[in-house]
PDB file of N, CA and C in Angstrom:
ATOM      1  N   UNK A   1      70.697  91.072 120.012  1.00  0.00           N
ATOM      2  CA  UNK A   1      70.829  91.540 118.642  1.00  0.00           C
ATOM      3  C   UNK A   1      70.362  92.995 118.586  1.00  0.00           C
ATOM      4  N   UNK A   2      71.055  93.871 117.828  1.00  0.00           N
ATOM      5  CA  UNK A   2      70.674  95.278 117.769  1.00  0.00           C
ATOM      6  C   UNK A   2      69.286  95.459 117.165  1.00  0.00           C
ATOM      7  N   UNK A   3      68.610  96.511 117.593  1.00  0.00           N
ATOM      8  CA  UNK A   3      67.275  96.804 117.085  1.00  0.00           C
ATOM      9  C   UNK A   3      67.365  97.813 115.940  1.00  0.00           C
ATOM     10  N   UNK A   4      66.458  97.700 115.008  1.00  0.00           N
ATOM     11  CA  UNK A   4      66.367  98.663 113.915  1.00  0.00           C
ATOM     12  C   UNK A   4      65.640  99.894 114.435  1.00  0.00           C
ATOM     13  N   UNK A   5      66.121 101.068 114.061  1.00  0.00           N
ATOM     14  CA  UNK A   5      65.490 102.303 114.499  1.00  0.00           C
ATOM     15  C   UNK A   5      63.994 102.262 114.195  1.00  0.00           C
ATOM     16  N   UNK A   6      63.194 102.694 115.160  1.00  0.00           N
ATOM     17  CA  UNK A   6      61.752 102.652 115.010  1.00  0.00           C
ATOM     18  C   UNK A   6      61.289 103.737 114.039  1.00  0.00           C
ATOM     19  N   UNK A   7      61.970 104.866 114.029  1.00  0.00           N
ATOM     20  CA  UNK A   7      61.567 105.992 113.199  1.00  0.00           C
ATOM     21  C   UNK A   7      62.048 105.809 111.772  1.00  0.00           C
ATOM     22  N   UNK A   8      61.109 105.852 110.865  1.00  0.00           N
ATOM     23  CA  UNK A   8      61.419 105.710 109.449  1.00  0.00           C
ATOM     24  C   UNK A   8      62.108 106.966 108.935  1.00  0.00           C
ATOM     25  N   UNK A   9      63.240 106.822 108.227  1.00  0.00           N
ATOM     26  CA  UNK A   9      63.873 108.008 107.634  1.00  0.00           C
ATOM     27  C   UNK A   9      62.904 108.668 106.650  1.00  0.00           C
ATOM     28  N   UNK A  10      62.748 109.978 106.768  1.00  0.00           N
ATOM     29  CA  UNK A  10      61.776 110.679 105.934  1.00  0.00           C
ATOM     30  C   UNK A  10      62.189 110.656 104.471  1.00  0.00           C
ATOM     31  N   UNK A  11      61.228 110.336 103.615  1.00  0.00           N
ATOM     32  CA  UNK A  11      61.398 110.464 102.168  1.00  0.00           C
ATOM     33  C   UNK A  11      60.025 110.672 101.558  1.00  0.00           C
ATOM     34  N   UNK A  12      59.896 111.689 100.708  1.00  0.00           N
ATOM     35  CA  UNK A  12      58.645 111.984 100.030  1.00  0.00           C
ATOM     36  C   UNK A  12      58.787 111.598  98.565  1.00  0.00           C
ATOM     37  N   UNK A  13      58.148 110.501  98.135  1.00  0.00           N
ATOM     38  CA  UNK A  13      58.269 110.079  96.733  1.00  0.00           C
ATOM     39  C   UNK A  13      57.744 111.152  95.788  1.00  0.00           C
ATOM     40  N   UNK A  14      58.396 111.250  94.631  1.00  0.00           N
ATOM     41  CA  UNK A  14      57.962 112.216  93.626  1.00  0.00           C
ATOM     42  C   UNK A  14      57.336 111.523  92.420  1.00  0.00           C
ATOM     43  N   UNK A  15      57.410 110.204  92.391  1.00  0.00           N
ATOM     44  CA  UNK A  15      56.861 109.435  91.277  1.00  0.00           C
ATOM     45  C   UNK A  15      56.740 107.990  91.704  1.00  0.00           C
ATOM     46  N   UNK A  16      57.123 107.083  90.822  1.00  0.00           N
ATOM     47  CA  UNK A  16      57.039 105.652  91.131  1.00  0.00           C
ATOM     48  C   UNK A  16      58.399 105.046  91.469  1.00  0.00           C
ATOM     49  N   UNK A  17      59.319 105.887  91.964  1.00  0.00           N
ATOM     50  CA  UNK A  17      60.666 105.395  92.260  1.00  0.00           C
ATOM     51  C   UNK A  17      60.696 104.318  93.335  1.00  0.00           C
ATOM     52  N   UNK A  18      59.811 104.379  94.312  1.00  0.00           N
ATOM     53  CA  UNK A  18      59.785 103.356  95.365  1.00  0.00           C
ATOM     54  C   UNK A  18      59.401 102.003  94.768  1.00  0.00           C
ATOM     55  N   UNK A  19      58.370 101.974  93.963  1.00  0.00           N
ATOM     56  CA  UNK A  19      57.931 100.722  93.345  1.00  0.00           C
ATOM     57  C   UNK A  19      58.993 100.175  92.385  1.00  0.00           C
ATOM     58  N   UNK A  20      59.620 101.058  91.611  1.00  0.00           N
ATOM     59  CA  UNK A  20      60.675 100.623  90.690  1.00  0.00           C
ATOM     60  C   UNK A  20      61.862 100.035  91.452  1.00  0.00           C
ATOM     61  N   UNK A  21      62.243 100.700  92.540  1.00  0.00           N
ATOM     62  CA  UNK A  21      63.361 100.220  93.339  1.00  0.00           C
ATOM     63  C   UNK A  21      63.034  98.863  93.958  1.00  0.00           C
ATOM     64  N   UNK A  22      61.825  98.717  94.496  1.00  0.00           N
ATOM     65  CA  UNK A  22      61.431  97.434  95.092  1.00  0.00           C
ATOM     66  C   UNK A  22      61.414  96.321  94.047  1.00  0.00           C
ATOM     67  N   UNK A  23      60.944  96.625  92.847  1.00  0.00           N
ATOM     68  CA  UNK A  23      60.929  95.616  91.781  1.00  0.00           C
ATOM     69  C   UNK A  23      62.356  95.208  91.421  1.00  0.00           C
ATOM     70  N   UNK A  24      63.259  96.170  91.322  1.00  0.00           N
ATOM     71  CA  UNK A  24      64.665  95.859  91.022  1.00  0.00           C
ATOM     72  C   UNK A  24      65.276  95.045  92.159  1.00  0.00           C
ATOM     73  N   UNK A  25      64.970  95.421  93.399  1.00  0.00           N
ATOM     74  CA  UNK A  25      65.498  94.704  94.558  1.00  0.00           C
ATOM     75  C   UNK A  25      65.036  93.246  94.565  1.00  0.00           C
ATOM     76  N   UNK A  26      63.763  93.040  94.322  1.00  0.00           N
ATOM     77  CA  UNK A  26      63.208  91.682  94.337  1.00  0.00           C
ATOM     78  C   UNK A  26      63.813  90.801  93.250  1.00  0.00           C
ATOM     79  N   UNK A  27      64.220  91.411  92.142  1.00  0.00           N
ATOM     80  CA  UNK A  27      64.826  90.656  91.048  1.00  0.00           C
ATOM     81  C   UNK A  27      66.354  90.682  91.102  1.00  0.00           C
ATOM     82  N   UNK A  28      66.898  91.274  92.188  1.00  0.00           N
ATOM     83  CA  UNK A  28      68.347  91.369  92.398  1.00  0.00           C
ATOM     84  C   UNK A  28      69.045  92.104  91.249  1.00  0.00           C
ATOM     85  N   UNK A  29      68.416  93.171  90.776  1.00  0.00           N
ATOM     86  CA  UNK A  29      68.980  94.004  89.723  1.00  0.00           C
ATOM     87  C   UNK A  29      69.653  95.202  90.382  1.00  0.00           C
ATOM     88  N   UNK A  30      70.943  95.433  90.137  1.00  0.00           N
ATOM     89  CA  UNK A  30      71.622  96.597  90.736  1.00  0.00           C
ATOM     90  C   UNK A  30      70.983  97.904  90.259  1.00  0.00           C
ATOM     91  N   UNK A  31      71.052  98.905  91.117  1.00  0.00           N
ATOM     92  CA  UNK A  31      70.476 100.206  90.801  1.00  0.00           C
ATOM     93  C   UNK A  31      71.567 101.260  90.923  1.00  0.00           C
ATOM     94  N   UNK A  32      71.677 102.123  89.917  1.00  0.00           N
ATOM     95  CA  UNK A  32      72.597 103.254  89.950  1.00  0.00           C
ATOM     96  C   UNK A  32      71.763 104.517  89.941  1.00  0.00           C
ATOM     97  N   UNK A  33      71.927 105.321  90.979  1.00  0.00           N
ATOM     98  CA  UNK A  33      71.197 106.585  91.062  1.00  0.00           C
ATOM     99  C   UNK A  33      72.142 107.721  90.688  1.00  0.00           C
ATOM    100  N   UNK A  34      71.704 108.557  89.768  1.00  0.00           N
ATOM    101  CA  UNK A  34      72.503 109.704  89.351  1.00  0.00           C
ATOM    102  C   UNK A  34      71.649 110.948  89.450  1.00  0.00           C
ATOM    103  N   UNK A  35      72.275 112.035  89.825  1.00  0.00           N
ATOM    104  CA  UNK A  35      71.559 113.301  89.898  1.00  0.00           C
ATOM    105  C   UNK A  35      72.435 114.347  90.534  1.00  0.00           C
ATOM    106  N   UNK A  36      72.010 115.588  90.469  1.00  0.00           N
ATOM    107  CA  UNK A  36      72.810 116.672  91.036  1.00  0.00           C
ATOM    108  C   UNK A  36      72.851 116.597  92.561  1.00  0.00           C
ATOM    109  N   UNK A  37      73.829 117.253  93.128  1.00  0.00           N
ATOM    110  CA  UNK A  37      73.960 117.338  94.578  1.00  0.00           C
ATOM    111  C   UNK A  37      72.679 117.898  95.173  1.00  0.00           C
ATOM    112  N   UNK A  38      72.199 117.235  96.222  1.00  0.00           N
ATOM    113  CA  UNK A  38      71.035 117.733  96.937  1.00  0.00           C
ATOM    114  C   UNK A  38      69.688 117.318  96.376  1.00  0.00           C
ATOM    115  N   UNK A  39      69.669 116.424  95.398  1.00  0.00           N
ATOM    116  CA  UNK A  39      68.373 116.053  94.796  1.00  0.00           C
ATOM    117  C   UNK A  39      67.670 114.933  95.549  1.00  0.00           C
ATOM    118  N   UNK A  40      68.326 114.301  96.540  1.00  0.00           N
ATOM    119  CA  UNK A  40      67.657 113.300  97.364  1.00  0.00           C
ATOM    120  C   UNK A  40      68.093 111.859  97.163  1.00  0.00           C
ATOM    121  N   UNK A  41      69.213 111.632  96.462  1.00  0.00           N
ATOM    122  CA  UNK A  41      69.682 110.256  96.217  1.00  0.00           C
ATOM    123  C   UNK A  41      69.984 109.540  97.532  1.00  0.00           C
ATOM    124  N   UNK A  42      70.741 110.178  98.389  1.00  0.00           N
ATOM    125  CA  UNK A  42      71.117 109.555  99.663  1.00  0.00           C
ATOM    126  C   UNK A  42      69.888 109.345 100.540  1.00  0.00           C
ATOM    127  N   UNK A  43      69.042 110.340 100.622  1.00  0.00           N
ATOM    128  CA  UNK A  43      67.829 110.227 101.440  1.00  0.00           C
ATOM    129  C   UNK A  43      66.974 109.050 100.959  1.00  0.00           C
ATOM    130  N   UNK A  44      66.851 108.897  99.641  1.00  0.00           N
ATOM    131  CA  UNK A  44      66.061 107.811  99.066  1.00  0.00           C
ATOM    132  C   UNK A  44      66.649 106.451  99.440  1.00  0.00           C
ATOM    133  N   UNK A  45      67.958 106.294  99.301  1.00  0.00           N
ATOM    134  CA  UNK A  45      68.595 105.012  99.612  1.00  0.00           C
ATOM    135  C   UNK A  45      68.507 104.715 101.110  1.00  0.00           C
ATOM    136  N   UNK A  46      68.686 105.719 101.960  1.00  0.00           N
ATOM    137  CA  UNK A  46      68.537 105.514 103.402  1.00  0.00           C
ATOM    138  C   UNK A  46      67.126 105.028 103.719  1.00  0.00           C
ATOM    139  N   UNK A  47      66.144 105.660 103.108  1.00  0.00           N
ATOM    140  CA  UNK A  47      64.738 105.280 103.320  1.00  0.00           C
ATOM    141  C   UNK A  47      64.485 103.840 102.860  1.00  0.00           C
ATOM    142  N   UNK A  48      64.960 103.497 101.668  1.00  0.00           N
ATOM    143  CA  UNK A  48      64.707 102.165 101.123  1.00  0.00           C
ATOM    144  C   UNK A  48      65.442 101.086 101.924  1.00  0.00           C
ATOM    145  N   UNK A  49      66.658 101.362 102.344  1.00  0.00           N
ATOM    146  CA  UNK A  49      67.392 100.389 103.164  1.00  0.00           C
ATOM    147  C   UNK A  49      66.642 100.129 104.466  1.00  0.00           C
ATOM    148  N   UNK A  50      66.177 101.197 105.115  1.00  0.00           N
ATOM    149  CA  UNK A  50      65.416 101.038 106.354  1.00  0.00           C
ATOM    150  C   UNK A  50      64.133 100.269 106.095  1.00  0.00           C
ATOM    151  N   UNK A  51      63.409 100.649 105.038  1.00  0.00           N
ATOM    152  CA  UNK A  51      62.115 100.035 104.734  1.00  0.00           C
ATOM    153  C   UNK A  51      62.247  98.538 104.449  1.00  0.00           C
ATOM    154  N   UNK A  52      63.227  98.168 103.643  1.00  0.00           N
ATOM    155  CA  UNK A  52      63.390  96.755 103.289  1.00  0.00           C
ATOM    156  C   UNK A  52      63.860  95.947 104.498  1.00  0.00           C
ATOM    157  N   UNK A  53      64.770  96.510 105.295  1.00  0.00           N
ATOM    158  CA  UNK A  53      65.200  95.812 106.515  1.00  0.00           C
ATOM    159  C   UNK A  53      64.010  95.605 107.446  1.00  0.00           C
ATOM    160  N   UNK A  54      63.163  96.600 107.538  1.00  0.00           N
ATOM    161  CA  UNK A  54      61.981  96.519 108.391  1.00  0.00           C
ATOM    162  C   UNK A  54      61.007  95.449 107.883  1.00  0.00           C
ATOM    163  N   UNK A  55      60.763  95.452 106.566  1.00  0.00           N
ATOM    164  CA  UNK A  55      59.844  94.474 105.978  1.00  0.00           C
ATOM    165  C   UNK A  55      60.356  93.050 106.137  1.00  0.00           C
ATOM    166  N   UNK A  56      61.677  92.884 106.083  1.00  0.00           N
ATOM    167  CA  UNK A  56      62.260  91.545 106.217  1.00  0.00           C
ATOM    168  C   UNK A  56      62.552  91.195 107.673  1.00  0.00           C
ATOM    169  N   UNK A  57      62.173  92.102 108.570  1.00  0.00           N
ATOM    170  CA  UNK A  57      62.397  91.913 110.008  1.00  0.00           C
ATOM    171  C   UNK A  57      63.849  91.583 110.309  1.00  0.00           C
ATOM    172  N   UNK A  58      64.736  92.368 109.726  1.00  0.00           N
ATOM    173  CA  UNK A  58      66.172  92.200 109.929  1.00  0.00           C
ATOM    174  C   UNK A  58      66.712  93.364 110.750  1.00  0.00           C
ATOM    175  N   UNK A  59      66.759  93.215 112.074  1.00  0.00           N
ATOM    176  CA  UNK A  59      67.323  94.295 112.879  1.00  0.00           C
ATOM    177  C   UNK A  59      68.828  94.397 112.639  1.00  0.00           C
ATOM    178  N   UNK A  60      69.270  95.579 112.356  1.00  0.00           N
ATOM    179  CA  UNK A  60      70.692  95.828 112.134  1.00  0.00           C
ATOM    180  C   UNK A  60      71.063  97.146 112.785  1.00  0.00           C
ATOM    181  N   UNK A  61      72.361  97.295 113.120  1.00  0.00           N
ATOM    182  CA  UNK A  61      72.848  98.560 113.675  1.00  0.00           C
ATOM    183  C   UNK A  61      72.600  99.692 112.703  1.00  0.00           C
ATOM    184  N   UNK A  62      73.041  99.470 111.499  1.00  0.00           N
ATOM    185  CA  UNK A  62      72.919 100.483 110.465  1.00  0.00           C
ATOM    186  C   UNK A  62      72.473  99.795 109.181  1.00  0.00           C
ATOM    187  N   UNK A  63      71.274 100.102 108.688  1.00  0.00           N
ATOM    188  CA  UNK A  63      70.792  99.424 107.495  1.00  0.00           C
ATOM    189  C   UNK A  63      71.544  99.826 106.233  1.00  0.00           C
ATOM    190  N   UNK A  64      72.405 100.866 106.352  1.00  0.00           N
ATOM    191  CA  UNK A  64      73.152 101.350 105.196  1.00  0.00           C
ATOM    192  C   UNK A  64      74.539 101.787 105.639  1.00  0.00           C
ATOM    193  N   UNK A  65      75.576 101.267 104.985  1.00  0.00           N
ATOM    194  CA  UNK A  65      76.960 101.694 105.224  1.00  0.00           C
ATOM    195  C   UNK A  65      77.373 102.550 104.044  1.00  0.00           C
ATOM    196  N   UNK A  66      77.821 103.766 104.311  1.00  0.00           N
ATOM    197  CA  UNK A  66      78.241 104.675 103.246  1.00  0.00           C
ATOM    198  C   UNK A  66      79.763 104.703 103.164  1.00  0.00           C
ATOM    199  N   UNK A  67      80.272 104.575 101.946  1.00  0.00           N
ATOM    200  CA  UNK A  67      81.706 104.656 101.689  1.00  0.00           C
ATOM    201  C   UNK A  67      81.948 105.868 100.801  1.00  0.00           C
ATOM    202  N   UNK A  68      82.708 106.824 101.285  1.00  0.00           N
ATOM    203  CA  UNK A  68      83.060 107.989 100.477  1.00  0.00           C
ATOM    204  C   UNK A  68      84.428 107.741  99.869  1.00  0.00           C
ATOM    205  N   UNK A  69      84.453 107.559  98.565  1.00  0.00           N
ATOM    206  CA  UNK A  69      85.694 107.216  97.864  1.00  0.00           C
ATOM    207  C   UNK A  69      86.524 108.467  97.596  1.00  0.00           C
ATOM    208  N   UNK A  70      87.842 108.278  97.529  1.00  0.00           N
ATOM    209  CA  UNK A  70      88.752 109.375  97.224  1.00  0.00           C
ATOM    210  C   UNK A  70      89.944 108.835  96.443  1.00  0.00           C
ATOM    211  N   UNK A  71      90.717 109.719  95.887  1.00  0.00           N
ATOM    212  CA  UNK A  71      91.828 109.329  95.015  1.00  0.00           C
ATOM    213  C   UNK A  71      92.886 108.467  95.704  1.00  0.00           C
ATOM    214  N   UNK A  72      93.095 108.660  96.998  1.00  0.00           N
ATOM    215  CA  UNK A  72      94.138 107.924  97.723  1.00  0.00           C
ATOM    216  C   UNK A  72      93.623 106.651  98.381  1.00  0.00           C
ATOM    217  N   UNK A  73      92.402 106.271  98.101  1.00  0.00           N
ATOM    218  CA  UNK A  73      91.805 105.094  98.735  1.00  0.00           C
ATOM    219  C   UNK A  73      92.459 103.805  98.232  1.00  0.00           C
ATOM    220  N   UNK A  74      92.629 102.867  99.144  1.00  0.00           N
ATOM    221  CA  UNK A  74      93.168 101.554  98.786  1.00  0.00           C
ATOM    222  C   UNK A  74      92.116 100.490  99.083  1.00  0.00           C
ATOM    223  N   UNK A  75      92.364  99.291  98.609  1.00  0.00           N
ATOM    224  CA  UNK A  75      91.427  98.203  98.899  1.00  0.00           C
ATOM    225  C   UNK A  75      91.361  97.929 100.401  1.00  0.00           C
ATOM    226  N   UNK A  76      92.454  98.154 101.115  1.00  0.00           N
ATOM    227  CA  UNK A  76      92.448  97.958 102.567  1.00  0.00           C
ATOM    228  C   UNK A  76      91.501  98.941 103.252  1.00  0.00           C
ATOM    229  N   UNK A  77      91.328 100.135 102.661  1.00  0.00           N
ATOM    230  CA  UNK A  77      90.374 101.093 103.221  1.00  0.00           C
ATOM    231  C   UNK A  77      88.945 100.562 103.129  1.00  0.00           C
ATOM    232  N   UNK A  78      88.687  99.739 102.140  1.00  0.00           N
ATOM    233  CA  UNK A  78      87.348  99.176 101.945  1.00  0.00           C
ATOM    234  C   UNK A  78      87.141  97.873 102.710  1.00  0.00           C
ATOM    235  N   UNK A  79      88.117  96.986 102.653  1.00  0.00           N
ATOM    236  CA  UNK A  79      87.981  95.644 103.220  1.00  0.00           C
ATOM    237  C   UNK A  79      88.391  95.597 104.684  1.00  0.00           C
ATOM    238  N   UNK A  80      89.497  96.230 105.015  1.00  0.00           N
ATOM    239  CA  UNK A  80      90.014  96.209 106.383  1.00  0.00           C
ATOM    240  C   UNK A  80      91.505  95.961 106.377  1.00  0.00           C
ATOM    241  N   UNK A  81      92.081  95.970 107.573  1.00  0.00           N
ATOM    242  CA  UNK A  81      93.536  95.789 107.668  1.00  0.00           C
ATOM    243  C   UNK A  81      93.920  95.285 109.051  1.00  0.00           C
ATOM    244  N   UNK A  82      95.114  94.723 109.100  1.00  0.00           N
ATOM    245  CA  UNK A  82      95.692  94.339 110.384  1.00  0.00           C
ATOM    246  C   UNK A  82      96.381  95.554 110.979  1.00  0.00           C
ATOM    247  N   UNK A  83      96.203  95.723 112.292  1.00  0.00           N
ATOM    248  CA  UNK A  83      96.854  96.804 113.017  1.00  0.00           C
ATOM    249  C   UNK A  83      97.847  96.207 113.998  1.00  0.00           C
ATOM    250  N   UNK A  84      99.012  96.782 114.048  1.00  0.00           N
ATOM    251  CA  UNK A  84     100.042  96.338 114.975  1.00  0.00           C
ATOM    252  C   UNK A  84     100.068  97.258 116.180  1.00  0.00           C
ATOM    253  N   UNK A  85     100.181  96.666 117.361  1.00  0.00           N
ATOM    254  CA  UNK A  85     100.291  97.453 118.590  1.00  0.00           C
ATOM    255  C   UNK A  85     101.212  96.716 119.553  1.00  0.00           C
ATOM    256  N   UNK A  86     101.457  97.319 120.681  1.00  0.00           N
ATOM    257  CA  UNK A  86     102.305  96.688 121.702  1.00  0.00           C
ATOM    258  C   UNK A  86     101.668  95.393 122.203  1.00  0.00           C
ATOM    259  N   UNK A  87     100.348  95.287 122.111  1.00  0.00           N
ATOM    260  CA  UNK A  87      99.626  94.100 122.574  1.00  0.00           C
ATOM    261  C   UNK A  87      99.549  92.996 121.531  1.00  0.00           C
ATOM    262  N   UNK A  88      99.982  93.275 120.288  1.00  0.00           N
ATOM    263  CA  UNK A  88      99.927  92.262 119.248  1.00  0.00           C
ATOM    264  C   UNK A  88      99.278  92.799 117.984  1.00  0.00           C
ATOM    265  N   UNK A  89      98.732  91.882 117.227  1.00  0.00           N
ATOM    266  CA  UNK A  89      98.112  92.221 115.951  1.00  0.00           C
ATOM    267  C   UNK A  89      96.604  92.030 116.066  1.00  0.00           C
ATOM    268  N   UNK A  90      95.873  92.984 115.516  1.00  0.00           N
ATOM    269  CA  UNK A  90      94.415  92.866 115.524  1.00  0.00           C
ATOM    270  C   UNK A  90      93.872  93.301 114.166  1.00  0.00           C
ATOM    271  N   UNK A  91      92.711  92.785 113.819  1.00  0.00           N
ATOM    272  CA  UNK A  91      92.065  93.094 112.552  1.00  0.00           C
ATOM    273  C   UNK A  91      91.043  94.214 112.756  1.00  0.00           C
ATOM    274  N   UNK A  92      91.027  95.180 111.849  1.00  0.00           N
ATOM    275  CA  UNK A  92      90.045  96.245 111.858  1.00  0.00           C
ATOM    276  C   UNK A  92      89.231  96.143 110.575  1.00  0.00           C
ATOM    277  N   UNK A  93      87.929  95.860 110.698  1.00  0.00           N
ATOM    278  CA  UNK A  93      87.068  95.747 109.524  1.00  0.00           C
ATOM    279  C   UNK A  93      86.949  97.082 108.804  1.00  0.00           C
ATOM    280  N   UNK A  94      86.949  97.024 107.480  1.00  0.00           N
ATOM    281  CA  UNK A  94      86.624  98.186 106.661  1.00  0.00           C
ATOM    282  C   UNK A  94      85.115  98.229 106.453  1.00  0.00           C
ATOM    283  N   UNK A  95      84.603  99.261 105.801  1.00  0.00           N
ATOM    284  CA  UNK A  95      83.153  99.401 105.647  1.00  0.00           C
ATOM    285  C   UNK A  95      82.503  98.276 104.845  1.00  0.00           C
ATOM    286  N   UNK A  96      83.175  97.742 103.843  1.00  0.00           N
ATOM    287  CA  UNK A  96      82.567  96.643 103.080  1.00  0.00           C
ATOM    288  C   UNK A  96      82.465  95.380 103.914  1.00  0.00           C
ATOM    289  N   UNK A  97      83.479  95.092 104.706  1.00  0.00           N
ATOM    290  CA  UNK A  97      83.445  93.919 105.579  1.00  0.00           C
ATOM    291  C   UNK A  97      82.367  94.081 106.643  1.00  0.00           C
ATOM    292  N   UNK A  98      82.243  95.305 107.211  1.00  0.00           N
ATOM    293  CA  UNK A  98      81.176  95.556 108.190  1.00  0.00           C
ATOM    294  C   UNK A  98      79.804  95.317 107.575  1.00  0.00           C
ATOM    295  N   UNK A  99      79.632  95.775 106.338  1.00  0.00           N
ATOM    296  CA  UNK A  99      78.335  95.601 105.668  1.00  0.00           C
ATOM    297  C   UNK A  99      78.019  94.130 105.443  1.00  0.00           C
ATOM    298  N   UNK A 100      79.013  93.357 105.013  1.00  0.00           N
ATOM    299  CA  UNK A 100      78.785  91.927 104.765  1.00  0.00           C
ATOM    300  C   UNK A 100      78.491  91.205 106.073  1.00  0.00           C
ATOM    301  N   UNK A 101      79.251  91.508 107.117  1.00  0.00           N
ATOM    302  CA  UNK A 101      79.041  90.836 108.407  1.00  0.00           C
ATOM    303  C   UNK A 101      77.653  91.108 108.977  1.00  0.00           C
ATOM    304  N   UNK A 102      77.125  92.295 108.740  1.00  0.00           N
ATOM    305  CA  UNK A 102      75.815  92.636 109.299  1.00  0.00           C
ATOM    306  C   UNK A 102      74.692  92.491 108.274  1.00  0.00           C
ATOM    307  N   UNK A 103      75.004  91.952 107.099  1.00  0.00           N
ATOM    308  CA  UNK A 103      74.007  91.734 106.040  1.00  0.00           C
ATOM    309  C   UNK A 103      73.243  93.012 105.737  1.00  0.00           C
ATOM    310  N   UNK A 104      73.986  94.082 105.548  1.00  0.00           N
ATOM    311  CA  UNK A 104      73.362  95.372 105.270  1.00  0.00           C
ATOM    312  C   UNK A 104      73.778  95.873 103.894  1.00  0.00           C
ATOM    313  N   UNK A 105      73.327  97.038 103.542  1.00  0.00           N
ATOM    314  CA  UNK A 105      73.604  97.624 102.235  1.00  0.00           C
ATOM    315  C   UNK A 105      74.828  98.510 102.287  1.00  0.00           C
ATOM    316  N   UNK A 106      75.410  98.735 101.113  1.00  0.00           N
ATOM    317  CA  UNK A 106      76.534  99.659 100.994  1.00  0.00           C
ATOM    318  C   UNK A 106      76.207 100.681  99.919  1.00  0.00           C
ATOM    319  N   UNK A 107      76.455 101.936 100.246  1.00  0.00           N
ATOM    320  CA  UNK A 107      76.289 103.027  99.286  1.00  0.00           C
ATOM    321  C   UNK A 107      77.656 103.647  99.061  1.00  0.00           C
ATOM    322  N   UNK A 108      78.017 103.833  97.800  1.00  0.00           N
ATOM    323  CA  UNK A 108      79.311 104.416  97.461  1.00  0.00           C
ATOM    324  C   UNK A 108      79.107 105.839  96.967  1.00  0.00           C
ATOM    325  N   UNK A 109      79.783 106.756  97.633  1.00  0.00           N
ATOM    326  CA  UNK A 109      79.767 108.141  97.200  1.00  0.00           C
ATOM    327  C   UNK A 109      81.022 108.379  96.385  1.00  0.00           C
ATOM    328  N   UNK A 110      80.870 108.916  95.204  1.00  0.00           N
ATOM    329  CA  UNK A 110      81.975 109.178  94.287  1.00  0.00           C
ATOM    330  C   UNK A 110      82.622 107.867  93.826  1.00  0.00           C
ATOM    331  N   UNK A 111      81.822 106.926  93.283  1.00  0.00           N
ATOM    332  CA  UNK A 111      82.356 105.612  92.914  1.00  0.00           C
ATOM    333  C   UNK A 111      83.429 105.655  91.832  1.00  0.00           C
ATOM    334  N   UNK A 112      83.513 106.721  91.054  1.00  0.00           N
ATOM    335  CA  UNK A 112      84.557 106.808  90.032  1.00  0.00           C
ATOM    336  C   UNK A 112      85.931 106.834  90.665  1.00  0.00           C
ATOM    337  N   UNK A 113      86.006 107.136  91.943  1.00  0.00           N
ATOM    338  CA  UNK A 113      87.291 107.184  92.651  1.00  0.00           C
ATOM    339  C   UNK A 113      87.591 105.932  93.452  1.00  0.00           C
ATOM    340  N   UNK A 114      86.781 104.900  93.267  1.00  0.00           N
ATOM    341  CA  UNK A 114      86.985 103.636  93.960  1.00  0.00           C
ATOM    342  C   UNK A 114      88.255 102.966  93.422  1.00  0.00           C
ATOM    343  N   UNK A 115      89.061 102.352  94.304  1.00  0.00           N
ATOM    344  CA  UNK A 115      90.284 101.665  93.818  1.00  0.00           C
ATOM    345  C   UNK A 115      89.953 100.561  92.826  1.00  0.00           C
ATOM    346  N   UNK A 116      90.823 100.405  91.861  1.00  0.00           N
ATOM    347  CA  UNK A 116      90.624  99.365  90.858  1.00  0.00           C
ATOM    348  C   UNK A 116      91.410  98.138  91.212  1.00  0.00           C
TER     349      UNK A 116
END
């Protein structure tokens, strides 16, 4: 089974955001982070995903899967698709399927552009 990175992703809390996030996580309340580019949203989520995986002793390849949405994105880009080749047909997991299979988190960048 893959090991979780030993080095904790750096994050310097500026308030009680870590405690608030943990409380929401424990109660299974979704969290939406909003802020200007470069304010630390991604760094915070990377840190929290690593921290919670570590606390739950869940080794994973990647504690966080990031999906960058765009206008031309389809559901197959998220879930996966069958690929045809000379050798036959094979399935290629999309980022959401990879996240579910590895019991990890998913972060969506530009969610307003997610397929409906």
